[in-house]
């Protein structure tokens, strides 16, 4: 959705040729994968932090999962 809005905005302004949008699309696909990986790691860390904060982190299970 954001790419469609970006394409419409850039074509209306006229500073970037339409062919340049293909380059932006290729970079955005790579960045989307990087954002997904960052979200995955962040959610995992947040889960551990909250579990430790409320004193519900099972260290034995955590150790077994890490092996």
C-alpha atoms as a PDB file:
ATOM      1  CA  UNK A   1       0.000   0.000   0.000  1.00  0.00           C
ATOM      2  CA  UNK A   2       2.766   2.437   0.915  1.00  0.00           C
ATOM      3  CA  UNK A   3       4.557   1.800  -2.365  1.00  0.00           C
ATOM      4  CA  UNK A   4       1.425   2.680  -4.331  1.00  0.00           C
ATOM      5  CA  UNK A   5       1.096   5.964  -2.457  1.00  0.00           C
ATOM      6  CA  UNK A   6       4.801   6.681  -3.002  1.00  0.00           C
ATOM      7  CA  UNK A   7       4.497   5.955  -6.732  1.00  0.00           C
ATOM      8  CA  UNK A   8       1.468   8.221  -7.066  1.00  0.00           C
ATOM      9  CA  UNK A   9       3.152  11.020  -5.141  1.00  0.00           C
ATOM     10  CA  UNK A  10       6.407  10.834  -7.086  1.00  0.00           C
ATOM     11  CA  UNK A  11       4.642  10.739 -10.436  1.00  0.00           C
ATOM     12  CA  UNK A  12       2.517  13.741  -9.458  1.00  0.00           C
ATOM     13  CA  UNK A  13       5.544  15.745  -8.359  1.00  0.00           C
ATOM     14  CA  UNK A  14       7.502  14.748 -11.451  1.00  0.00           C
ATOM     15  CA  UNK A  15      10.992  14.671  -9.954  1.00  0.00           C
ATOM     16  CA  UNK A  16      11.548  10.931 -10.470  1.00  0.00           C
ATOM     17  CA  UNK A  17      10.968   9.065 -13.727  1.00  0.00           C
ATOM     18  CA  UNK A  18       8.670   6.058 -13.615  1.00  0.00           C
ATOM     19  CA  UNK A  19      11.622   3.772 -14.479  1.00  0.00           C
ATOM     20  CA  UNK A  20      13.219   4.775 -11.177  1.00  0.00           C
ATOM     21  CA  UNK A  21      10.296   3.225  -9.328  1.00  0.00           C
ATOM     22  CA  UNK A  22      11.516  -0.253 -10.334  1.00  0.00           C
ATOM     23  CA  UNK A  23      14.757   0.417  -8.473  1.00  0.00           C
ATOM     24  CA  UNK A  24      12.856   1.622  -5.421  1.00  0.00           C
ATOM     25  CA  UNK A  25      10.638  -1.466  -5.558  1.00  0.00           C
ATOM     26  CA  UNK A  26      13.672  -3.771  -5.596  1.00  0.00           C
ATOM     27  CA  UNK A  27      15.223  -2.023  -2.620  1.00  0.00           C
ATOM     28  CA  UNK A  28      11.914  -1.950  -0.759  1.00  0.00           C
ATOM     29  CA  UNK A  29      11.535  -5.712  -1.130  1.00  0.00           C
ATOM     30  CA  UNK A  30      14.941  -6.274   0.487  1.00  0.00           C
ATOM     31  CA  UNK A  31      14.169  -3.744   3.220  1.00  0.00           C
ATOM     32  CA  UNK A  32      10.826  -5.452   3.869  1.00  0.00           C
ATOM     33  CA  UNK A  33      12.637  -8.715   4.587  1.00  0.00           C
ATOM     34  CA  UNK A  34      15.029  -6.886   6.910  1.00  0.00           C
ATOM     35  CA  UNK A  35      12.093  -5.266   8.740  1.00  0.00           C
ATOM     36  CA  UNK A  36      10.442  -8.661   9.186  1.00  0.00           C
ATOM     37  CA  UNK A  37      13.617 -10.120  10.688  1.00  0.00           C
ATOM     38  CA  UNK A  38      13.990  -7.124  12.997  1.00  0.00           C
ATOM     39  CA  UNK A  39      10.371  -7.504  14.148  1.00  0.00           C
ATOM     40  CA  UNK A  40      10.906 -11.212  14.825  1.00  0.00           C
ATOM     41  CA  UNK A  41      13.979 -10.600  16.977  1.00  0.00           C
ATOM     42  CA  UNK A  42      12.350  -7.661  18.770  1.00  0.00           C
ATOM     43  CA  UNK A  43       9.225  -9.650  19.606  1.00  0.00           C
ATOM     44  CA  UNK A  44      11.325 -12.512  20.973  1.00  0.00           C
ATOM     45  CA  UNK A  45      13.403 -10.216  23.157  1.00  0.00           C
ATOM     46  CA  UNK A  46      10.321  -8.351  24.402  1.00  0.00           C
ATOM     47  CA  UNK A  47       8.661 -11.643  25.344  1.00  0.00           C
ATOM     48  CA  UNK A  48      11.663 -12.686  27.429  1.00  0.00           C
ATOM     49  CA  UNK A  49      11.956  -9.263  29.087  1.00  0.00           C
ATOM     50  CA  UNK A  50       8.273  -9.160  30.063  1.00  0.00           C
ATOM     51  CA  UNK A  51       8.368 -12.747  31.349  1.00  0.00           C
ATOM     52  CA  UNK A  52      11.401 -11.922  33.482  1.00  0.00           C
ATOM     53  CA  UNK A  53       9.812  -8.673  34.674  1.00  0.00           C
ATOM     54  CA  UNK A  54       6.682 -10.428  35.967  1.00  0.00           C
ATOM     55  CA  UNK A  55       8.844 -13.257  37.362  1.00  0.00           C
ATOM     56  CA  UNK A  56       7.319 -15.958  35.150  1.00  0.00           C
ATOM     57  CA  UNK A  57      10.454 -16.853  33.184  1.00  0.00           C
ATOM     58  CA  UNK A  58      11.263 -20.555  33.572  1.00  0.00           C
ATOM     59  CA  UNK A  59      15.059 -20.729  33.433  1.00  0.00           C
ATOM     60  CA  UNK A  60      15.071 -24.528  33.018  1.00  0.00           C
ATOM     61  CA  UNK A  61      12.871 -24.376  29.915  1.00  0.00           C
ATOM     62  CA  UNK A  62      14.837 -21.436  28.588  1.00  0.00           C
ATOM     63  CA  UNK A  63      18.077 -23.366  28.986  1.00  0.00           C
ATOM     64  CA  UNK A  64      16.646 -26.423  27.227  1.00  0.00           C
ATOM     65  CA  UNK A  65      15.425 -24.321  24.307  1.00  0.00           C
ATOM     66  CA  UNK A  66      18.816 -22.661  23.947  1.00  0.00           C
ATOM     67  CA  UNK A  67      20.619 -25.996  23.569  1.00  0.00           C
END
